[in-house]
Amino acid sequence: VLVVASVLIWIVLASTGIFATLDKTLQDIL
């Protein structure tokens, strides 16, 4: 359950664009 849930959460975060928003925020900070 842990492995499947973590992979599914990563897929949901990637498909909703959270990583792109986080990339932009971290690029501005760093």
PDB file of all heavy atoms in Angstrom:
ATOM      1  N   VAL A   1       0.837  -1.203   0.000  1.00  0.00           N
ATOM      2  CA  VAL A   1       0.000   0.000   0.000  1.00  0.00           C
ATOM      3  C   VAL A   1       0.872   1.252   0.000  1.00  0.00           C
ATOM      4  O   VAL A   1       0.581   2.226  -0.713  1.00  0.00           O
ATOM      5  CB  VAL A   1      -0.953  -0.016   1.216  1.00  0.00           C
ATOM      6  CG1 VAL A   1      -1.613   1.329   1.414  1.00  0.00           C
ATOM      7  CG2 VAL A   1      -1.994  -1.096   1.048  1.00  0.00           C
ATOM      8  N   LEU A   2       1.960   1.249   0.756  1.00  0.00           N
ATOM      9  CA  LEU A   2       2.863   2.395   0.811  1.00  0.00           C
ATOM     10  C   LEU A   2       3.482   2.682  -0.546  1.00  0.00           C
ATOM     11  O   LEU A   2       3.520   3.835  -0.991  1.00  0.00           O
ATOM     12  CB  LEU A   2       3.957   2.159   1.854  1.00  0.00           C
ATOM     13  CG  LEU A   2       5.057   3.217   1.918  1.00  0.00           C
ATOM     14  CD1 LEU A   2       4.504   4.502   2.516  1.00  0.00           C
ATOM     15  CD2 LEU A   2       6.242   2.721   2.696  1.00  0.00           C
ATOM     16  N   VAL A   3       3.965   1.646  -1.225  1.00  0.00           N
ATOM     17  CA  VAL A   3       4.610   1.842  -2.531  1.00  0.00           C
ATOM     18  C   VAL A   3       3.598   2.353  -3.553  1.00  0.00           C
ATOM     19  O   VAL A   3       3.861   3.320  -4.281  1.00  0.00           O
ATOM     20  CB  VAL A   3       5.280   0.524  -3.008  1.00  0.00           C
ATOM     21  CG1 VAL A   3       5.757   0.649  -4.435  1.00  0.00           C
ATOM     22  CG2 VAL A   3       6.427   0.155  -2.091  1.00  0.00           C
ATOM     23  N   VAL A   4       2.447   1.728  -3.608  1.00  0.00           N
ATOM     24  CA  VAL A   4       1.437   2.139  -4.589  1.00  0.00           C
ATOM     25  C   VAL A   4       0.949   3.557  -4.296  1.00  0.00           C
ATOM     26  O   VAL A   4       0.808   4.376  -5.214  1.00  0.00           O
ATOM     27  CB  VAL A   4       0.262   1.126  -4.593  1.00  0.00           C
ATOM     28  CG1 VAL A   4      -0.896   1.641  -5.405  1.00  0.00           C
ATOM     29  CG2 VAL A   4       0.732  -0.212  -5.132  1.00  0.00           C
ATOM     30  N   ALA A   5       0.724   3.869  -3.018  1.00  0.00           N
ATOM     31  CA  ALA A   5       0.236   5.201  -2.668  1.00  0.00           C
ATOM     32  C   ALA A   5       1.264   6.280  -2.982  1.00  0.00           C
ATOM     33  O   ALA A   5       0.901   7.346  -3.499  1.00  0.00           O
ATOM     34  CB  ALA A   5      -0.135   5.247  -1.193  1.00  0.00           C
ATOM     35  N   SER A   6       2.528   6.031  -2.708  1.00  0.00           N
ATOM     36  CA  SER A   6       3.536   7.053  -2.977  1.00  0.00           C
ATOM     37  C   SER A   6       3.703   7.291  -4.473  1.00  0.00           C
ATOM     38  O   SER A   6       3.854   8.443  -4.904  1.00  0.00           O
ATOM     39  CB  SER A   6       4.868   6.677  -2.330  1.00  0.00           C
ATOM     40  OG  SER A   6       5.351   5.476  -2.888  1.00  0.00           O
ATOM     41  N   VAL A   7       3.650   6.247  -5.276  1.00  0.00           N
ATOM     42  CA  VAL A   7       3.747   6.423  -6.725  1.00  0.00           C
ATOM     43  C   VAL A   7       2.508   7.144  -7.255  1.00  0.00           C
ATOM     44  O   VAL A   7       2.616   8.050  -8.101  1.00  0.00           O
ATOM     45  CB  VAL A   7       3.963   5.059  -7.427  1.00  0.00           C
ATOM     46  CG1 VAL A   7       3.814   5.185  -8.924  1.00  0.00           C
ATOM     47  CG2 VAL A   7       5.337   4.507  -7.078  1.00  0.00           C
ATOM     48  N   LEU A   8       1.336   6.786  -6.766  1.00  0.00           N
ATOM     49  CA  LEU A   8       0.118   7.464  -7.215  1.00  0.00           C
ATOM     50  C   LEU A   8       0.100   8.932  -6.805  1.00  0.00           C
ATOM     51  O   LEU A   8      -0.342   9.790  -7.585  1.00  0.00           O
ATOM     52  CB  LEU A   8      -1.118   6.754  -6.670  1.00  0.00           C
ATOM     53  CG  LEU A   8      -1.476   5.430  -7.344  1.00  0.00           C
ATOM     54  CD1 LEU A   8      -2.680   4.806  -6.665  1.00  0.00           C
ATOM     55  CD2 LEU A   8      -1.736   5.623  -8.814  1.00  0.00           C
ATOM     56  N   ILE A   9       0.565   9.243  -5.614  1.00  0.00           N
ATOM     57  CA  ILE A   9       0.632  10.643  -5.184  1.00  0.00           C
ATOM     58  C   ILE A   9       1.599  11.416  -6.066  1.00  0.00           C
ATOM     59  O   ILE A   9       1.322  12.558  -6.458  1.00  0.00           O
ATOM     60  CB  ILE A   9       1.005  10.732  -3.691  1.00  0.00           C
ATOM     61  CG1 ILE A   9      -0.163  10.267  -2.842  1.00  0.00           C
ATOM     62  CG2 ILE A   9       1.413  12.147  -3.302  1.00  0.00           C
ATOM     63  CD1 ILE A   9       0.146  10.132  -1.371  1.00  0.00           C
ATOM     64  N   TRP A  10       2.743  10.805  -6.423  1.00  0.00           N
ATOM     65  CA  TRP A  10       3.687  11.476  -7.308  1.00  0.00           C
ATOM     66  C   TRP A  10       3.050  11.734  -8.673  1.00  0.00           C
ATOM     67  O   TRP A  10       3.224  12.812  -9.250  1.00  0.00           O
ATOM     68  CB  TRP A  10       4.958  10.643  -7.475  1.00  0.00           C
ATOM     69  CG  TRP A  10       6.030  11.402  -8.193  1.00  0.00           C
ATOM     70  CD1 TRP A  10       7.019  12.129  -7.626  1.00  0.00           C
ATOM     71  CD2 TRP A  10       6.200  11.518  -9.613  1.00  0.00           C
ATOM     72  NE1 TRP A  10       7.791  12.692  -8.596  1.00  0.00           N
ATOM     73  CE2 TRP A  10       7.316  12.339  -9.828  1.00  0.00           C
ATOM     74  CE3 TRP A  10       5.522  11.019 -10.706  1.00  0.00           C
ATOM     75  CZ2 TRP A  10       7.780  12.659 -11.093  1.00  0.00           C
ATOM     76  CZ3 TRP A  10       5.971  11.341 -11.976  1.00  0.00           C
ATOM     77  CH2 TRP A  10       7.082  12.146 -12.166  1.00  0.00           C
ATOM     78  N   ILE A  11       2.311  10.765  -9.186  1.00  0.00           N
ATOM     79  CA  ILE A  11       1.661  10.932 -10.492  1.00  0.00           C
ATOM     80  C   ILE A  11       0.619  12.048 -10.439  1.00  0.00           C
ATOM     81  O   ILE A  11       0.532  12.875 -11.361  1.00  0.00           O
ATOM     82  CB  ILE A  11       1.035   9.594 -10.948  1.00  0.00           C
ATOM     83  CG1 ILE A  11       2.132   8.609 -11.322  1.00  0.00           C
ATOM     84  CG2 ILE A  11       0.095   9.804 -12.120  1.00  0.00           C
ATOM     85  CD1 ILE A  11       1.640   7.209 -11.580  1.00  0.00           C
ATOM     86  N   VAL A  12      -0.144  12.103  -9.362  1.00  0.00           N
ATOM     87  CA  VAL A  12      -1.145  13.164  -9.222  1.00  0.00           C
ATOM     88  C   VAL A  12      -0.474  14.531  -9.130  1.00  0.00           C
ATOM     89  O   VAL A  12      -0.909  15.503  -9.772  1.00  0.00           O
ATOM     90  CB  VAL A  12      -2.053  12.897  -8.001  1.00  0.00           C
ATOM     91  CG1 VAL A  12      -2.879  14.118  -7.649  1.00  0.00           C
ATOM     92  CG2 VAL A  12      -2.941  11.705  -8.264  1.00  0.00           C
ATOM     93  N   LEU A  13       0.594  14.634  -8.352  1.00  0.00           N
ATOM     94  CA  LEU A  13       1.300  15.905  -8.235  1.00  0.00           C
ATOM     95  C   LEU A  13       1.917  16.326  -9.562  1.00  0.00           C
ATOM     96  O   LEU A  13       1.919  17.513  -9.899  1.00  0.00           O
ATOM     97  CB  LEU A  13       2.370  15.817  -7.145  1.00  0.00           C
ATOM     98  CG  LEU A  13       1.878  15.725  -5.710  1.00  0.00           C
ATOM     99  CD1 LEU A  13       3.057  15.562  -4.762  1.00  0.00           C
ATOM    100  CD2 LEU A  13       1.059  16.934  -5.341  1.00  0.00           C
ATOM    101  N   ALA A  14       2.438  15.370 -10.314  1.00  0.00           N
ATOM    102  CA  ALA A  14       3.042  15.704 -11.606  1.00  0.00           C
ATOM    103  C   ALA A  14       1.978  16.116 -12.616  1.00  0.00           C
ATOM    104  O   ALA A  14       2.191  17.041 -13.411  1.00  0.00           O
ATOM    105  CB  ALA A  14       3.842  14.523 -12.133  1.00  0.00           C
ATOM    106  N   SER A  15       0.828  15.457 -12.603  1.00  0.00           N
ATOM    107  CA  SER A  15      -0.196  15.768 -13.597  1.00  0.00           C
ATOM    108  C   SER A  15      -0.932  17.070 -13.295  1.00  0.00           C
ATOM    109  O   SER A  15      -1.473  17.693 -14.196  1.00  0.00           O
ATOM    110  CB  SER A  15      -1.194  14.613 -13.705  1.00  0.00           C
ATOM    111  OG  SER A  15      -1.898  14.473 -12.503  1.00  0.00           O
ATOM    112  N   THR A  16      -0.964  17.484 -12.033  1.00  0.00           N
ATOM    113  CA  THR A  16      -1.638  18.737 -11.703  1.00  0.00           C
ATOM    114  C   THR A  16      -0.736  19.951 -11.846  1.00  0.00           C
ATOM    115  O   THR A  16      -1.212  21.079 -11.723  1.00  0.00           O
ATOM    116  CB  THR A  16      -2.192  18.703 -10.269  1.00  0.00           C
ATOM    117  OG1 THR A  16      -1.132  18.411  -9.370  1.00  0.00           O
ATOM    118  CG2 THR A  16      -3.300  17.686 -10.133  1.00  0.00           C
ATOM    119  N   GLY A  17       0.535  19.751 -12.089  1.00  0.00           N
ATOM    120  CA  GLY A  17       1.438  20.871 -12.309  1.00  0.00           C
ATOM    121  C   GLY A  17       2.048  21.435 -11.048  1.00  0.00           C
ATOM    122  O   GLY A  17       2.590  22.542 -11.062  1.00  0.00           O
ATOM    123  N   ILE A  18       1.983  20.701  -9.957  1.00  0.00           N
ATOM    124  CA  ILE A  18       2.570  21.175  -8.697  1.00  0.00           C
ATOM    125  C   ILE A  18       4.085  21.277  -8.816  1.00  0.00           C
ATOM    126  O   ILE A  18       4.688  22.230  -8.320  1.00  0.00           O
ATOM    127  CB  ILE A  18       2.183  20.234  -7.541  1.00  0.00           C
ATOM    128  CG1 ILE A  18       0.682  20.191  -7.346  1.00  0.00           C
ATOM    129  CG2 ILE A  18       2.897  20.603  -6.256  1.00  0.00           C
ATOM    130  CD1 ILE A  18       0.082  21.469  -6.849  1.00  0.00           C
ATOM    131  N   PHE A  19       4.705  20.328  -9.502  1.00  0.00           N
ATOM    132  CA  PHE A  19       6.158  20.345  -9.629  1.00  0.00           C
ATOM    133  C   PHE A  19       6.626  21.541 -10.457  1.00  0.00           C
ATOM    134  O   PHE A  19       7.659  22.145 -10.159  1.00  0.00           O
ATOM    135  CB  PHE A  19       6.660  19.043 -10.245  1.00  0.00           C
ATOM    136  CG  PHE A  19       6.522  17.859  -9.324  1.00  0.00           C
ATOM    137  CD1 PHE A  19       6.168  16.624  -9.817  1.00  0.00           C
ATOM    138  CD2 PHE A  19       6.767  17.968  -7.968  1.00  0.00           C
ATOM    139  CE1 PHE A  19       6.044  15.527  -8.981  1.00  0.00           C
ATOM    140  CE2 PHE A  19       6.648  16.880  -7.128  1.00  0.00           C
ATOM    141  CZ  PHE A  19       6.284  15.656  -7.630  1.00  0.00           C
ATOM    142  N   ALA A  20       5.892  21.911 -11.489  1.00  0.00           N
ATOM    143  CA  ALA A  20       6.267  23.075 -12.301  1.00  0.00           C
ATOM    144  C   ALA A  20       6.161  24.355 -11.475  1.00  0.00           C
ATOM    145  O   ALA A  20       7.034  25.230 -11.558  1.00  0.00           O
ATOM    146  CB  ALA A  20       5.383  23.157 -13.534  1.00  0.00           C
ATOM    147  N   THR A  21       5.108  24.465 -10.677  1.00  0.00           N
ATOM    148  CA  THR A  21       4.952  25.641  -9.816  1.00  0.00           C
ATOM    149  C   THR A  21       6.048  25.690  -8.763  1.00  0.00           C
ATOM    150  O   THR A  21       6.606  26.759  -8.479  1.00  0.00           O
ATOM    151  CB  THR A  21       3.574  25.607  -9.126  1.00  0.00           C
ATOM    152  OG1 THR A  21       2.567  25.450 -10.115  1.00  0.00           O
ATOM    153  CG2 THR A  21       3.327  26.861  -8.322  1.00  0.00           C
ATOM    154  N   LEU A  22       6.365  24.537  -8.202  1.00  0.00           N
ATOM    155  CA  LEU A  22       7.426  24.463  -7.210  1.00  0.00           C
ATOM    156  C   LEU A  22       8.775  24.776  -7.839  1.00  0.00           C
ATOM    157  O   LEU A  22       9.626  25.439  -7.223  1.00  0.00           O
ATOM    158  CB  LEU A  22       7.433  23.077  -6.554  1.00  0.00           C
ATOM    159  CG  LEU A  22       8.247  22.897  -5.296  1.00  0.00           C
ATOM    160  CD1 LEU A  22       7.791  23.860  -4.214  1.00  0.00           C
ATOM    161  CD2 LEU A  22       8.136  21.477  -4.797  1.00  0.00           C
ATOM    162  N   ASP A  23       9.007  24.330  -9.071  1.00  0.00           N
ATOM    163  CA  ASP A  23      10.243  24.661  -9.792  1.00  0.00           C
ATOM    164  C   ASP A  23      10.380  26.174  -9.960  1.00  0.00           C
ATOM    165  O   ASP A  23      11.451  26.740  -9.736  1.00  0.00           O
ATOM    166  CB  ASP A  23      10.266  23.996 -11.171  1.00  0.00           C
ATOM    167  CG  ASP A  23      10.646  22.535 -11.105  1.00  0.00           C
ATOM    168  OD1 ASP A  23      11.208  22.117 -10.083  1.00  0.00           O
ATOM    169  OD2 ASP A  23      10.382  21.820 -12.093  1.00  0.00           O
ATOM    170  N   LYS A  24       9.316  26.822 -10.385  1.00  0.00           N
ATOM    171  CA  LYS A  24       9.352  28.261 -10.593  1.00  0.00           C
ATOM    172  C   LYS A  24       9.620  28.998  -9.291  1.00  0.00           C
ATOM    173  O   LYS A  24      10.425  29.927  -9.238  1.00  0.00           O
ATOM    174  CB  LYS A  24       8.048  28.743 -11.216  1.00  0.00           C
ATOM    175  CG  LYS A  24       8.041  30.211 -11.569  1.00  0.00           C
ATOM    176  CD  LYS A  24       6.809  30.570 -12.328  1.00  0.00           C
ATOM    177  CE  LYS A  24       6.732  32.021 -12.723  1.00  0.00           C
ATOM    178  NZ  LYS A  24       7.649  32.943 -12.213  1.00  0.00           N
ATOM    179  N   THR A  25       8.966  28.568  -8.205  1.00  0.00           N
ATOM    180  CA  THR A  25       9.168  29.208  -6.916  1.00  0.00           C
ATOM    181  C   THR A  25      10.597  29.023  -6.421  1.00  0.00           C
ATOM    182  O   THR A  25      11.237  29.972  -5.949  1.00  0.00           O
ATOM    183  CB  THR A  25       8.188  28.631  -5.876  1.00  0.00           C
ATOM    184  OG1 THR A  25       6.863  28.769  -6.372  1.00  0.00           O
ATOM    185  CG2 THR A  25       8.321  29.329  -4.544  1.00  0.00           C
ATOM    186  N   LEU A  26      11.119  27.818  -6.542  1.00  0.00           N
ATOM    187  CA  LEU A  26      12.489  27.558  -6.090  1.00  0.00           C
ATOM    188  C   LEU A  26      13.519  28.237  -6.981  1.00  0.00           C
ATOM    189  O   LEU A  26      14.586  28.635  -6.511  1.00  0.00           O
ATOM    190  CB  LEU A  26      12.740  26.057  -6.012  1.00  0.00           C
ATOM    191  CG  LEU A  26      12.016  25.332  -4.874  1.00  0.00           C
ATOM    192  CD1 LEU A  26      12.251  23.833  -4.963  1.00  0.00           C
ATOM    193  CD2 LEU A  26      12.454  25.854  -3.527  1.00  0.00           C
ATOM    194  N   GLN A  27      13.247  28.391  -8.269  1.00  0.00           N
ATOM    195  CA  GLN A  27      14.160  29.118  -9.152  1.00  0.00           C
ATOM    196  C   GLN A  27      14.217  30.594  -8.782  1.00  0.00           C
ATOM    197  O   GLN A  27      15.276  31.217  -8.850  1.00  0.00           O
ATOM    198  CB  GLN A  27      13.732  28.958 -10.610  1.00  0.00           C
ATOM    199  CG  GLN A  27      14.035  27.605 -11.187  1.00  0.00           C
ATOM    200  CD  GLN A  27      13.417  27.404 -12.555  1.00  0.00           C
ATOM    201  OE1 GLN A  27      12.755  28.277 -13.088  1.00  0.00           O
ATOM    202  NE2 GLN A  27      13.647  26.222 -13.130  1.00  0.00           N
ATOM    203  N   ASP A  28      13.080  31.149  -8.361  1.00  0.00           N
ATOM    204  CA  ASP A  28      13.064  32.546  -7.924  1.00  0.00           C
ATOM    205  C   ASP A  28      13.821  32.721  -6.612  1.00  0.00           C
ATOM    206  O   ASP A  28      14.522  33.721  -6.419  1.00  0.00           O
ATOM    207  CB  ASP A  28      11.624  33.034  -7.745  1.00  0.00           C
ATOM    208  CG  ASP A  28      10.886  33.145  -9.060  1.00  0.00           C
ATOM    209  OD1 ASP A  28      11.558  33.189 -10.118  1.00  0.00           O
ATOM    210  OD2 ASP A  28       9.631  33.174  -9.035  1.00  0.00           O
ATOM    211  N   ILE A  29      13.688  31.763  -5.710  1.00  0.00           N
ATOM    212  CA  ILE A  29      14.354  31.869  -4.406  1.00  0.00           C
ATOM    213  C   ILE A  29      15.848  31.603  -4.537  1.00  0.00           C
ATOM    214  O   ILE A  29      16.671  32.347  -4.004  1.00  0.00           O
ATOM    215  CB  ILE A  29      13.722  30.887  -3.399  1.00  0.00           C
ATOM    216  CG1 ILE A  29      12.302  31.312  -3.076  1.00  0.00           C
ATOM    217  CG2 ILE A  29      14.544  30.804  -2.120  1.00  0.00           C
ATOM    218  CD1 ILE A  29      11.541  30.311  -2.228  1.00  0.00           C
ATOM    219  N   LEU A  30      16.213  30.541  -5.242  1.00  0.00           N
ATOM    220  CA  LEU A  30      17.608  30.118  -5.318  1.00  0.00           C
ATOM    221  C   LEU A  30      18.387  30.811  -6.435  1.00  0.00           C
ATOM    222  O   LEU A  30      19.605  30.683  -6.496  1.00  0.00           O
ATOM    223  CB  LEU A  30      17.685  28.604  -5.508  1.00  0.00           C
ATOM    224  CG  LEU A  30      17.072  27.748  -4.397  1.00  0.00           C
ATOM    225  CD1 LEU A  30      17.118  26.282  -4.772  1.00  0.00           C
ATOM    226  CD2 LEU A  30      17.799  27.981  -3.094  1.00  0.00           C
TER     227      LEU A  30
END
